[in-house]
Amino acid sequence: MQSSIWKAGAIVGATLTLTAVAAGYVDVATHFRFNFLSDYFGTLLLAGLIGVVMSSVGLVGWARRMGRGSKARMAGLVFISPWIVFLLGYPIAGDNVHGPAMLVVVLMIPAIVLAVILLIMAGLTRSPEHTIDPG
């Protein structure tokens, strides 16, 4: 049960972060017809910040009950996720420093830190038989 709370926190946090980033890409793709960034910048920034914190805490809590290999895979996914978003968004906004791509680049820093933390956790895991992999 405890791992599902951490899992839910990680998923909600990732969704908040992705929503904040996606709003910028929607604005650029629609030539600012919706003005998400202009009208809701503070809200989106707060959602993104809360999302990064929630997903980071949730992933660390969730990973505590996982085996070494699952933690390492999670670290890899955390590391590569902002790069995937950046590459998928590149045709929409390019790498404009004033656009949504810059927010994704800024998110790469906490993703790298979190990936390193998860890798350290994986390295400190004793053995697979002492942990529960909640699937």
C-alpha atoms as a PDB file:
ATOM      1  CA  MET A   1       0.000   0.000   0.000  1.00  0.00           C
ATOM      2  CA  GLN A   2       2.771   2.471   0.844  1.00  0.00           C
ATOM      3  CA  SER A   3       4.434   2.006  -2.526  1.00  0.00           C
ATOM      4  CA  SER A   4       1.171   2.929  -4.265  1.00  0.00           C
ATOM      5  CA  ILE A   5       1.126   6.278  -2.423  1.00  0.00           C
ATOM      6  CA  TRP A   6       4.655   7.032  -3.643  1.00  0.00           C
ATOM      7  CA  LYS A   7       3.745   5.830  -7.134  1.00  0.00           C
ATOM      8  CA  ALA A   8       0.652   8.073  -7.202  1.00  0.00           C
ATOM      9  CA  GLY A   9       2.724  11.052  -6.047  1.00  0.00           C
ATOM     10  CA  ALA A  10       5.288  10.426  -8.773  1.00  0.00           C
ATOM     11  CA  ILE A  11       2.607  10.124 -11.456  1.00  0.00           C
ATOM     12  CA  VAL A  12       0.694  13.221 -10.319  1.00  0.00           C
ATOM     13  CA  GLY A  13       3.941  15.197 -10.123  1.00  0.00           C
ATOM     14  CA  ALA A  14       5.033  14.095 -13.594  1.00  0.00           C
ATOM     15  CA  THR A  15       1.588  14.994 -14.947  1.00  0.00           C
ATOM     16  CA  LEU A  16       1.756  18.484 -13.429  1.00  0.00           C
ATOM     17  CA  THR A  17       5.217  19.035 -14.889  1.00  0.00           C
ATOM     18  CA  LEU A  18       4.221  17.722 -18.304  1.00  0.00           C
ATOM     19  CA  THR A  19       1.084  19.902 -18.302  1.00  0.00           C
ATOM     20  CA  ALA A  20       3.130  23.019 -17.566  1.00  0.00           C
ATOM     21  CA  VAL A  21       5.573  22.226 -20.363  1.00  0.00           C
ATOM     22  CA  ALA A  22       2.841  21.181 -22.817  1.00  0.00           C
ATOM     23  CA  ALA A  23       1.001  24.492 -22.325  1.00  0.00           C
ATOM     24  CA  GLY A  24       4.015  26.310 -23.717  1.00  0.00           C
ATOM     25  CA  TYR A  25       4.239  24.020 -26.721  1.00  0.00           C
ATOM     26  CA  VAL A  26       0.481  24.392 -27.374  1.00  0.00           C
ATOM     27  CA  ASP A  27       0.870  28.168 -27.313  1.00  0.00           C
ATOM     28  CA  VAL A  28       3.711  28.091 -29.810  1.00  0.00           C
ATOM     29  CA  ALA A  29       2.002  25.521 -32.059  1.00  0.00           C
ATOM     30  CA  THR A  30      -1.229  27.566 -32.193  1.00  0.00           C
ATOM     31  CA  HIS A  31       0.636  30.875 -32.617  1.00  0.00           C
ATOM     32  CA  PHE A  32      -0.445  31.975 -29.122  1.00  0.00           C
ATOM     33  CA  ARG A  33      -4.172  31.717 -29.856  1.00  0.00           C
ATOM     34  CA  PHE A  34      -4.817  30.403 -26.331  1.00  0.00           C
ATOM     35  CA  ASN A  35      -2.205  32.544 -24.512  1.00  0.00           C
ATOM     36  CA  PHE A  36      -1.635  29.939 -21.806  1.00  0.00           C
ATOM     37  CA  LEU A  37       1.788  31.360 -21.009  1.00  0.00           C
ATOM     38  CA  SER A  38       0.656  34.991 -21.023  1.00  0.00           C
ATOM     39  CA  ASP A  39      -2.502  34.465 -18.994  1.00  0.00           C
ATOM     40  CA  TYR A  40      -1.454  31.655 -16.655  1.00  0.00           C
ATOM     41  CA  PHE A  41       2.334  31.933 -16.419  1.00  0.00           C
ATOM     42  CA  GLY A  42       2.438  32.034 -12.620  1.00  0.00           C
ATOM     43  CA  THR A  43       0.041  29.127 -12.285  1.00  0.00           C
ATOM     44  CA  LEU A  44       1.931  27.043 -14.841  1.00  0.00           C
ATOM     45  CA  LEU A  45       5.267  27.847 -13.222  1.00  0.00           C
ATOM     46  CA  LEU A  46       3.922  26.857  -9.802  1.00  0.00           C
ATOM     47  CA  ALA A  47       2.411  23.651 -11.239  1.00  0.00           C
ATOM     48  CA  GLY A  48       5.743  22.800 -12.833  1.00  0.00           C
ATOM     49  CA  LEU A  49       7.648  23.441  -9.599  1.00  0.00           C
ATOM     50  CA  ILE A  50       5.210  21.429  -7.497  1.00  0.00           C
ATOM     51  CA  GLY A  51       5.311  18.707 -10.136  1.00  0.00           C
ATOM     52  CA  VAL A  52       9.104  18.444 -10.068  1.00  0.00           C
ATOM     53  CA  VAL A  53       9.156  18.236  -6.269  1.00  0.00           C
ATOM     54  CA  MET A  54       6.262  15.742  -6.096  1.00  0.00           C
ATOM     55  CA  SER A  55       7.656  13.482  -8.789  1.00  0.00           C
ATOM     56  CA  SER A  56      11.147  13.559  -7.294  1.00  0.00           C
ATOM     57  CA  VAL A  57       9.960  12.711  -3.784  1.00  0.00           C
ATOM     58  CA  GLY A  58       7.520  10.142  -5.147  1.00  0.00           C
ATOM     59  CA  LEU A  59      10.140   8.404  -7.271  1.00  0.00           C
ATOM     60  CA  VAL A  60      12.635   8.205  -4.410  1.00  0.00           C
ATOM     61  CA  GLY A  61       9.967   6.819  -2.080  1.00  0.00           C
ATOM     62  CA  TRP A  62       8.772   4.366  -4.711  1.00  0.00           C
ATOM     63  CA  ALA A  63      12.317   3.261  -5.532  1.00  0.00           C
ATOM     64  CA  ARG A  64      13.100   2.457  -1.881  1.00  0.00           C
ATOM     65  CA  ARG A  65      11.086  -0.754  -2.198  1.00  0.00           C
ATOM     66  CA  MET A  66      12.479  -1.777  -5.581  1.00  0.00           C
ATOM     67  CA  GLY A  67      15.338  -3.999  -6.533  1.00  0.00           C
ATOM     68  CA  ARG A  68      18.658  -2.841  -7.913  1.00  0.00           C
ATOM     69  CA  GLY A  69      17.736  -3.323 -11.572  1.00  0.00           C
ATOM     70  CA  SER A  70      14.400  -1.507 -11.244  1.00  0.00           C
ATOM     71  CA  LYS A  71      16.110   1.456  -9.595  1.00  0.00           C
ATOM     72  CA  ALA A  72      18.693   1.602 -12.379  1.00  0.00           C
ATOM     73  CA  ARG A  73      15.981   1.451 -15.065  1.00  0.00           C
ATOM     74  CA  MET A  74      14.049   4.182 -13.260  1.00  0.00           C
ATOM     75  CA  ALA A  75      17.193   6.338 -13.185  1.00  0.00           C
ATOM     76  CA  GLY A  76      17.638   5.839 -16.922  1.00  0.00           C
ATOM     77  CA  LEU A  77      14.017   6.766 -17.611  1.00  0.00           C
ATOM     78  CA  VAL A  78      14.282   9.880 -15.429  1.00  0.00           C
ATOM     79  CA  PHE A  79      17.487  10.911 -17.207  1.00  0.00           C
ATOM     80  CA  ILE A  80      16.156  10.421 -20.731  1.00  0.00           C
ATOM     81  CA  SER A  81      12.615  11.815 -20.262  1.00  0.00           C
ATOM     82  CA  PRO A  82      13.455  15.542 -20.666  1.00  0.00           C
ATOM     83  CA  TRP A  83      15.566  14.716 -23.717  1.00  0.00           C
ATOM     84  CA  ILE A  84      12.617  12.899 -25.297  1.00  0.00           C
ATOM     85  CA  VAL A  85      10.309  15.853 -24.582  1.00  0.00           C
ATOM     86  CA  PHE A  86      12.902  18.231 -26.028  1.00  0.00           C
ATOM     87  CA  LEU A  87      13.292  16.168 -29.210  1.00  0.00           C
ATOM     88  CA  LEU A  88       9.528  15.722 -29.642  1.00  0.00           C
ATOM     89  CA  GLY A  89       8.969  19.452 -29.132  1.00  0.00           C
ATOM     90  CA  TYR A  90      11.824  20.533 -31.395  1.00  0.00           C
ATOM     91  CA  PRO A  91       9.708  20.548 -34.597  1.00  0.00           C
ATOM     92  CA  ILE A  92       7.157  22.770 -32.837  1.00  0.00           C
ATOM     93  CA  ALA A  93       9.333  25.378 -31.123  1.00  0.00           C
ATOM     94  CA  GLY A  94      12.917  24.599 -32.038  1.00  0.00           C
ATOM     95  CA  ASP A  95      15.496  25.448 -29.401  1.00  0.00           C
ATOM     96  CA  ASN A  96      14.394  29.068 -28.928  1.00  0.00           C
ATOM     97  CA  VAL A  97      15.723  30.321 -25.589  1.00  0.00           C
ATOM     98  CA  HIS A  98      12.512  32.325 -25.107  1.00  0.00           C
ATOM     99  CA  GLY A  99      10.191  29.401 -25.766  1.00  0.00           C
ATOM    100  CA  PRO A 100       9.046  26.250 -24.023  1.00  0.00           C
ATOM    101  CA  ALA A 101      12.205  24.389 -24.998  1.00  0.00           C
ATOM    102  CA  MET A 102      14.157  26.401 -22.454  1.00  0.00           C
ATOM    103  CA  LEU A 103      11.886  25.197 -19.655  1.00  0.00           C
ATOM    104  CA  VAL A 104      12.656  21.638 -20.718  1.00  0.00           C
ATOM    105  CA  VAL A 105      16.387  22.389 -20.686  1.00  0.00           C
ATOM    106  CA  VAL A 106      16.023  23.802 -17.158  1.00  0.00           C
ATOM    107  CA  LEU A 107      14.190  20.608 -16.129  1.00  0.00           C
ATOM    108  CA  MET A 108      17.170  18.546 -17.284  1.00  0.00           C
ATOM    109  CA  ILE A 109      19.163  19.687 -14.252  1.00  0.00           C
ATOM    110  CA  PRO A 110      16.842  18.223 -11.579  1.00  0.00           C
ATOM    111  CA  ALA A 111      16.358  15.141 -13.779  1.00  0.00           C
ATOM    112  CA  ILE A 112      20.117  14.525 -13.813  1.00  0.00           C
ATOM    113  CA  VAL A 113      20.327  15.017 -10.035  1.00  0.00           C
ATOM    114  CA  LEU A 114      17.400  12.645  -9.460  1.00  0.00           C
ATOM    115  CA  ALA A 115      18.890  10.053 -11.824  1.00  0.00           C
ATOM    116  CA  VAL A 116      22.166  10.164  -9.905  1.00  0.00           C
ATOM    117  CA  ILE A 117      20.314   9.760  -6.588  1.00  0.00           C
ATOM    118  CA  LEU A 118      18.440   6.750  -7.973  1.00  0.00           C
ATOM    119  CA  LEU A 119      21.687   5.227  -9.263  1.00  0.00           C
ATOM    120  CA  ILE A 120      23.295   5.684  -5.849  1.00  0.00           C
ATOM    121  CA  MET A 121      20.245   4.032  -4.282  1.00  0.00           C
ATOM    122  CA  ALA A 122      20.620   1.154  -6.753  1.00  0.00           C
ATOM    123  CA  GLY A 123      24.288   0.791  -5.891  1.00  0.00           C
ATOM    124  CA  LEU A 124      23.542   0.687  -2.166  1.00  0.00           C
ATOM    125  CA  THR A 125      20.836  -1.958  -2.545  1.00  0.00           C
ATOM    126  CA  ARG A 126      22.049  -5.145  -0.847  1.00  0.00           C
ATOM    127  CA  SER A 127      20.595  -7.891  -2.987  1.00  0.00           C
ATOM    128  CA  PRO A 128      17.386  -8.655  -4.853  1.00  0.00           C
ATOM    129  CA  GLU A 129      16.111 -11.140  -2.257  1.00  0.00           C
ATOM    130  CA  HIS A 130      16.026  -8.439   0.453  1.00  0.00           C
ATOM    131  CA  THR A 131      13.728  -6.112  -1.496  1.00  0.00           C
ATOM    132  CA  ILE A 132      10.214  -6.202  -2.836  1.00  0.00           C
ATOM    133  CA  ASP A 133       9.680  -5.228  -6.455  1.00  0.00           C
ATOM    134  CA  PRO A 134       6.116  -3.827  -6.549  1.00  0.00           C
ATOM    135  CA  GLY A 135       5.937  -4.191 -10.316  1.00  0.00           C
END
